Amino acid sequence: KYAENMYYFSELALTLNAPESGTAPTDSRRRPDQRLMENGRWDEANAEKQRLEEKQRLSRKRREAEAARATEDGTPYDPYKPLWFERRKDPVTQELAHVYKGGYWESKEKQDWSLCPDIF
């Protein structure tokens, strides 16, 4: 119903980005720029997107500087690692793949998101 007003997306496609309570603060459905865009607040969405991108760039630069300092000092450096996934070689294709390593559903059940970084 009213598909022409929704760019002819299927019902599934329209609901994929629907907010869900209790998700991690890093869940992409919580992106503030996306919410603003969906509410038709284009100028605010663009400004928010720029802010988020700059925050990401600064975070990356900080990690790169820490790695460079560690290399110069000869101290160990623990590079960024995803919280819920790890890179492993696929036994069939022999290619590296991100494989779920656990923890998300337990954190969701407890509503303990203390390990999540502030990305937004």
N, C-alpha and C. Protein backbone atom coordinates (compact mmCIF):
# COMPACT_ATOMS: atom_id res chain seq x y z
N LYS A 1 0.84 -1.19 0.00
CA LYS A 1 0.00 0.00 0.00
C LYS A 1 0.88 1.25 0.00
N TYR A 2 0.57 2.20 -0.84
CA TYR A 2 1.29 3.48 -0.96
C TYR A 2 2.76 3.30 -1.34
N ALA A 3 3.09 2.23 -2.04
CA ALA A 3 4.48 1.96 -2.42
C ALA A 3 5.07 3.09 -3.25
N GLU A 4 4.25 3.75 -4.06
CA GLU A 4 4.78 4.83 -4.90
C GLU A 4 5.33 5.98 -4.06
N ASN A 5 4.84 6.12 -2.84
CA ASN A 5 5.35 7.17 -1.94
C ASN A 5 6.59 6.71 -1.18
N MET A 6 6.91 5.46 -1.28
CA MET A 6 8.05 4.89 -0.56
C MET A 6 9.09 4.37 -1.53
N TYR A 7 9.21 4.98 -2.69
CA TYR A 7 10.21 4.62 -3.69
C TYR A 7 10.08 3.17 -4.14
N TYR A 8 8.89 2.62 -4.04
CA TYR A 8 8.60 1.25 -4.44
C TYR A 8 9.42 0.22 -3.67
N PHE A 9 9.82 0.57 -2.44
CA PHE A 9 10.50 -0.40 -1.59
C PHE A 9 9.50 -1.43 -1.09
N SER A 10 9.97 -2.64 -0.85
CA SER A 10 9.12 -3.67 -0.27
C SER A 10 8.88 -3.34 1.20
N GLU A 11 7.93 -4.01 1.79
CA GLU A 11 7.66 -3.80 3.21
C GLU A 11 8.89 -4.16 4.03
N LEU A 12 9.57 -5.25 3.65
CA LEU A 12 10.79 -5.63 4.36
C LEU A 12 11.84 -4.52 4.28
N ALA A 13 12.07 -3.99 3.10
CA ALA A 13 13.08 -2.94 2.93
C ALA A 13 12.73 -1.71 3.76
N LEU A 14 11.45 -1.40 3.85
CA LEU A 14 11.02 -0.23 4.61
C LEU A 14 11.22 -0.42 6.11
N THR A 15 11.21 -1.64 6.57
CA THR A 15 11.32 -1.87 8.01
C THR A 15 12.73 -2.22 8.47
N LEU A 16 13.67 -2.41 7.57
CA LEU A 16 15.03 -2.80 7.96
C LEU A 16 15.69 -1.78 8.86
N ASN A 17 15.38 -0.52 8.69
CA ASN A 17 16.02 0.52 9.48
C ASN A 17 15.14 1.00 10.64
N ALA A 18 14.07 0.30 10.91
CA ALA A 18 13.17 0.70 12.01
C ALA A 18 13.90 0.59 13.34
N PRO A 19 13.75 1.59 14.19
CA PRO A 19 14.41 1.53 15.50
C PRO A 19 13.92 0.33 16.30
N GLU A 20 14.81 -0.21 17.12
CA GLU A 20 14.49 -1.35 17.98
C GLU A 20 15.03 -1.02 19.36
N SER A 21 14.24 -1.18 20.37
CA SER A 21 14.71 -0.85 21.71
C SER A 21 15.71 -1.89 22.20
N GLY A 22 16.62 -1.46 23.04
CA GLY A 22 17.57 -2.36 23.65
C GLY A 22 18.79 -2.71 22.83
N THR A 23 18.97 -2.09 21.68
CA THR A 23 20.13 -2.41 20.85
C THR A 23 21.36 -1.64 21.33
N ALA A 24 22.51 -2.08 20.87
CA ALA A 24 23.77 -1.44 21.25
C ALA A 24 23.78 0.03 20.80
N PRO A 25 24.48 0.87 21.54
CA PRO A 25 24.57 2.28 21.15
C PRO A 25 25.32 2.46 19.83
N THR A 26 26.00 1.43 19.37
CA THR A 26 26.72 1.48 18.09
C THR A 26 25.88 0.96 16.93
N ASP A 27 24.66 0.54 17.20
CA ASP A 27 23.78 0.02 16.14
C ASP A 27 23.54 1.10 15.10
N SER A 28 23.70 0.76 13.84
CA SER A 28 23.59 1.76 12.77
C SER A 28 22.22 2.39 12.70
N ARG A 29 21.21 1.74 13.24
CA ARG A 29 19.87 2.33 13.25
C ARG A 29 19.79 3.53 14.18
N ARG A 30 20.81 3.73 14.98
CA ARG A 30 20.84 4.88 15.90
C ARG A 30 21.59 6.08 15.32
N ARG A 31 22.02 5.98 14.09
CA ARG A 31 22.75 7.10 13.48
C ARG A 31 21.88 8.35 13.47
N PRO A 32 22.33 9.40 14.13
CA PRO A 32 21.50 10.60 14.21
C PRO A 32 21.29 11.28 12.85
N ASP A 33 22.29 11.22 11.97
CA ASP A 33 22.12 11.85 10.66
C ASP A 33 21.05 11.13 9.85
N GLN A 34 21.01 9.83 9.98
CA GLN A 34 20.03 9.03 9.25
C GLN A 34 18.62 9.33 9.74
N ARG A 35 18.46 9.42 11.05
CA ARG A 35 17.14 9.74 11.62
C ARG A 35 16.67 11.11 11.13
N LEU A 36 17.57 12.09 11.14
CA LEU A 36 17.20 13.43 10.67
C LEU A 36 16.78 13.39 9.21
N MET A 37 17.50 12.65 8.39
CA MET A 37 17.17 12.54 6.98
C MET A 37 15.79 11.89 6.81
N GLU A 38 15.54 10.82 7.56
CA GLU A 38 14.26 10.13 7.45
C GLU A 38 13.10 11.03 7.87
N ASN A 39 13.38 12.00 8.71
CA ASN A 39 12.35 12.95 9.14
C ASN A 39 12.28 14.18 8.25
N GLY A 40 13.02 14.15 7.14
CA GLY A 40 12.97 15.24 6.18
C GLY A 40 13.73 16.48 6.58
N ARG A 41 14.61 16.38 7.56
CA ARG A 41 15.39 17.53 8.03
C ARG A 41 16.77 17.46 7.38
N TRP A 42 16.79 17.73 6.07
CA TRP A 42 17.96 17.52 5.22
C TRP A 42 19.17 18.34 5.63
N ASP A 43 18.98 19.63 5.88
CA ASP A 43 20.13 20.48 6.24
C ASP A 43 20.77 20.02 7.55
N GLU A 44 19.94 19.70 8.53
CA GLU A 44 20.46 19.21 9.80
C GLU A 44 21.15 17.84 9.62
N ALA A 45 20.57 17.00 8.77
CA ALA A 45 21.15 15.68 8.51
C ALA A 45 22.52 15.82 7.87
N ASN A 46 22.66 16.72 6.92
CA ASN A 46 23.96 16.93 6.27
C ASN A 46 25.00 17.45 7.25
N ALA A 47 24.60 18.38 8.11
CA ALA A 47 25.52 18.90 9.12
C ALA A 47 25.93 17.80 10.09
N GLU A 48 24.98 16.98 10.49
CA GLU A 48 25.27 15.88 11.42
C GLU A 48 26.17 14.84 10.77
N LYS A 49 25.95 14.57 9.50
CA LYS A 49 26.80 13.61 8.79
C LYS A 49 28.24 14.12 8.74
N GLN A 50 28.41 15.41 8.49
CA GLN A 50 29.75 16.00 8.48
C GLN A 50 30.41 15.86 9.85
N ARG A 51 29.63 16.10 10.91
CA ARG A 51 30.16 15.99 12.28
C ARG A 51 30.62 14.55 12.55
N LEU A 52 29.78 13.58 12.18
CA LEU A 52 30.12 12.17 12.41
C LEU A 52 31.37 11.76 11.62
N GLU A 53 31.46 12.20 10.37
CA GLU A 53 32.62 11.86 9.55
C GLU A 53 33.90 12.46 10.13
N GLU A 54 33.81 13.68 10.62
CA GLU A 54 34.98 14.31 11.23
C GLU A 54 35.38 13.57 12.51
N LYS A 55 34.39 13.14 13.28
CA LYS A 55 34.67 12.37 14.50
C LYS A 55 35.37 11.06 14.14
N GLN A 56 34.94 10.41 13.08
CA GLN A 56 35.57 9.17 12.62
C GLN A 56 37.01 9.42 12.17
N ARG A 57 37.22 10.51 11.43
CA ARG A 57 38.58 10.84 10.97
C ARG A 57 39.51 11.08 12.15
N LEU A 58 39.03 11.82 13.15
CA LEU A 58 39.86 12.11 14.33
C LEU A 58 40.19 10.83 15.09
N SER A 59 39.23 9.94 15.20
CA SER A 59 39.44 8.66 15.88
C SER A 59 40.49 7.84 15.15
N ARG A 60 40.40 7.79 13.82
CA ARG A 60 41.38 7.05 13.03
C ARG A 60 42.77 7.66 13.19
N LYS A 61 42.86 9.00 13.13
CA LYS A 61 44.16 9.67 13.28
C LYS A 61 44.76 9.38 14.65
N ARG A 62 43.92 9.36 15.69
CA ARG A 62 44.40 9.07 17.03
C ARG A 62 44.97 7.65 17.10
N ARG A 63 44.27 6.69 16.51
CA ARG A 63 44.76 5.30 16.49
C ARG A 63 46.08 5.21 15.72
N GLU A 64 46.16 5.90 14.59
CA GLU A 64 47.39 5.87 13.79
C GLU A 64 48.55 6.49 14.55
N ALA A 65 48.30 7.58 15.27
CA ALA A 65 49.35 8.23 16.06
C ALA A 65 49.81 7.32 17.19
N GLU A 66 48.87 6.64 17.85
CA GLU A 66 49.23 5.69 18.92
C GLU A 66 50.09 4.56 18.36
N ALA A 67 49.74 4.05 17.19
CA ALA A 67 50.52 2.97 16.57
C ALA A 67 51.91 3.46 16.21
N ALA A 68 52.01 4.67 15.67
CA ALA A 68 53.31 5.22 15.30
C ALA A 68 54.19 5.42 16.53
N ARG A 69 53.59 5.96 17.61
CA ARG A 69 54.33 6.17 18.85
C ARG A 69 54.84 4.83 19.41
N ALA A 70 53.99 3.83 19.37
CA ALA A 70 54.37 2.51 19.88
C ALA A 70 55.51 1.94 19.05
N THR A 71 55.47 2.14 17.74
CA THR A 71 56.54 1.65 16.87
C THR A 71 57.85 2.35 17.20
N GLU A 72 57.79 3.66 17.39
CA GLU A 72 59.00 4.42 17.72
C GLU A 72 59.56 4.02 19.07
N ASP A 73 58.68 3.84 20.06
CA ASP A 73 59.11 3.50 21.42
C ASP A 73 59.45 2.03 21.57
N GLY A 74 59.00 1.22 20.63
CA GLY A 74 59.20 -0.22 20.75
C GLY A 74 58.26 -0.86 21.76
N THR A 75 57.18 -0.16 22.09
CA THR A 75 56.23 -0.71 23.04
C THR A 75 55.12 -1.46 22.31
N PRO A 76 54.52 -2.41 22.97
CA PRO A 76 53.44 -3.16 22.32
C PRO A 76 52.25 -2.25 22.02
N TYR A 77 51.61 -2.53 20.92
CA TYR A 77 50.42 -1.77 20.54
C TYR A 77 49.33 -2.75 20.14
N ASP A 78 48.20 -2.60 20.76
CA ASP A 78 47.06 -3.46 20.46
C ASP A 78 46.16 -2.72 19.47
N PRO A 79 46.16 -3.13 18.21
CA PRO A 79 45.36 -2.42 17.21
C PRO A 79 43.85 -2.57 17.47
N TYR A 80 43.10 -1.74 16.81
CA TYR A 80 41.63 -1.78 16.93
C TYR A 80 41.12 -3.16 16.55
N LYS A 81 40.19 -3.66 17.33
CA LYS A 81 39.56 -4.95 17.05
C LYS A 81 38.05 -4.79 17.22
N PRO A 82 37.29 -5.33 16.29
CA PRO A 82 35.83 -5.28 16.44
C PRO A 82 35.40 -6.00 17.71
N LEU A 83 34.31 -5.54 18.31
CA LEU A 83 33.83 -6.15 19.54
C LEU A 83 33.24 -7.53 19.34
N TRP A 84 32.44 -7.68 18.32
CA TRP A 84 31.63 -8.90 18.20
C TRP A 84 32.13 -9.86 17.12
N PHE A 85 33.17 -9.48 16.38
CA PHE A 85 33.66 -10.31 15.29
C PHE A 85 35.17 -10.44 15.35
N GLU A 86 35.68 -11.49 14.72
CA GLU A 86 37.13 -11.64 14.57
C GLU A 86 37.42 -12.15 13.17
N ARG A 87 38.60 -11.79 12.68
CA ARG A 87 38.99 -12.24 11.34
C ARG A 87 39.60 -13.62 11.44
N ARG A 88 39.04 -14.51 10.65
CA ARG A 88 39.55 -15.88 10.59
C ARG A 88 39.57 -16.34 9.15
N LYS A 89 40.44 -17.28 8.88
CA LYS A 89 40.49 -17.85 7.54
C LYS A 89 39.32 -18.82 7.38
N ASP A 90 38.55 -18.63 6.34
CA ASP A 90 37.44 -19.53 6.05
C ASP A 90 38.03 -20.88 5.64
N PRO A 91 37.58 -21.96 6.27
CA PRO A 91 38.17 -23.27 5.96
C PRO A 91 37.88 -23.74 4.54
N VAL A 92 36.82 -23.25 3.94
CA VAL A 92 36.47 -23.68 2.59
C VAL A 92 37.16 -22.83 1.53
N THR A 93 37.01 -21.49 1.66
CA THR A 93 37.56 -20.61 0.63
C THR A 93 39.01 -20.20 0.89
N GLN A 94 39.47 -20.41 2.12
CA GLN A 94 40.81 -20.01 2.54
C GLN A 94 41.00 -18.48 2.53
N GLU A 95 39.90 -17.75 2.49
CA GLU A 95 39.96 -16.28 2.53
C GLU A 95 39.62 -15.81 3.94
N LEU A 96 40.15 -14.62 4.29
CA LEU A 96 39.83 -14.05 5.58
C LEU A 96 38.38 -13.58 5.59
N ALA A 97 37.70 -13.86 6.69
CA ALA A 97 36.30 -13.46 6.83
C ALA A 97 36.08 -13.00 8.27
N HIS A 98 35.12 -12.12 8.48
CA HIS A 98 34.74 -11.70 9.83
C HIS A 98 33.70 -12.68 10.34
N VAL A 99 34.02 -13.33 11.45
CA VAL A 99 33.16 -14.35 12.03
C VAL A 99 32.71 -13.89 13.41
N TYR A 100 31.42 -14.04 13.67
CA TYR A 100 30.88 -13.65 14.97
C TYR A 100 31.57 -14.45 16.08
N LYS A 101 32.08 -13.73 17.11
CA LYS A 101 32.80 -14.42 18.18
C LYS A 101 32.02 -14.48 19.48
N GLY A 102 30.80 -13.94 19.47
CA GLY A 102 29.98 -14.00 20.67
C GLY A 102 30.01 -12.71 21.46
N GLY A 103 29.11 -12.61 22.42
CA GLY A 103 29.08 -11.48 23.33
C GLY A 103 27.95 -10.50 23.12
N TYR A 104 27.52 -10.31 21.88
CA TYR A 104 26.48 -9.30 21.62
C TYR A 104 25.17 -9.66 22.31
N TRP A 105 24.70 -10.88 22.12
CA TRP A 105 23.39 -11.25 22.67
C TRP A 105 23.41 -11.27 24.19
N GLU A 106 24.56 -11.62 24.77
CA GLU A 106 24.69 -11.59 26.22
C GLU A 106 24.64 -10.14 26.72
N SER A 107 25.33 -9.24 26.02
CA SER A 107 25.30 -7.82 26.39
C SER A 107 23.90 -7.25 26.24
N LYS A 108 23.21 -7.65 25.19
CA LYS A 108 21.85 -7.16 24.96
C LYS A 108 20.93 -7.65 26.07
N GLU A 109 21.07 -8.91 26.44
CA GLU A 109 20.22 -9.46 27.50
C GLU A 109 20.43 -8.70 28.82
N LYS A 110 21.69 -8.40 29.13
CA LYS A 110 22.02 -7.69 30.37
C LYS A 110 21.85 -6.18 30.24
N GLN A 111 21.72 -5.71 28.98
CA GLN A 111 21.72 -4.27 28.70
C GLN A 111 22.99 -3.62 29.25
N ASP A 112 24.09 -4.32 29.07
CA ASP A 112 25.41 -3.82 29.48
C ASP A 112 26.20 -3.52 28.21
N TRP A 113 26.25 -2.26 27.85
CA TRP A 113 26.95 -1.83 26.64
C TRP A 113 28.24 -1.09 26.99
N SER A 114 28.81 -1.38 28.15
CA SER A 114 29.99 -0.66 28.63
C SER A 114 31.21 -0.84 27.73
N LEU A 115 31.25 -1.90 26.94
CA LEU A 115 32.39 -2.11 26.04
C LEU A 115 32.26 -1.33 24.73
N CYS A 116 31.08 -0.80 24.46
CA CYS A 116 30.85 -0.10 23.18
C CYS A 116 31.49 1.28 23.19
N PRO A 117 32.20 1.62 22.10
CA PRO A 117 32.76 2.98 22.01
C PRO A 117 31.67 3.99 21.67
N ASP A 118 31.97 5.26 21.91
CA ASP A 118 31.05 6.33 21.58
C ASP A 118 31.31 6.74 20.13
N ILE A 119 30.55 6.17 19.20
CA ILE A 119 30.80 6.46 17.79
C ILE A 119 29.88 7.53 17.22
N PHE A 120 28.82 7.84 17.90
CA PHE A 120 27.91 8.87 17.38
C PHE A 120 28.04 10.14 18.17
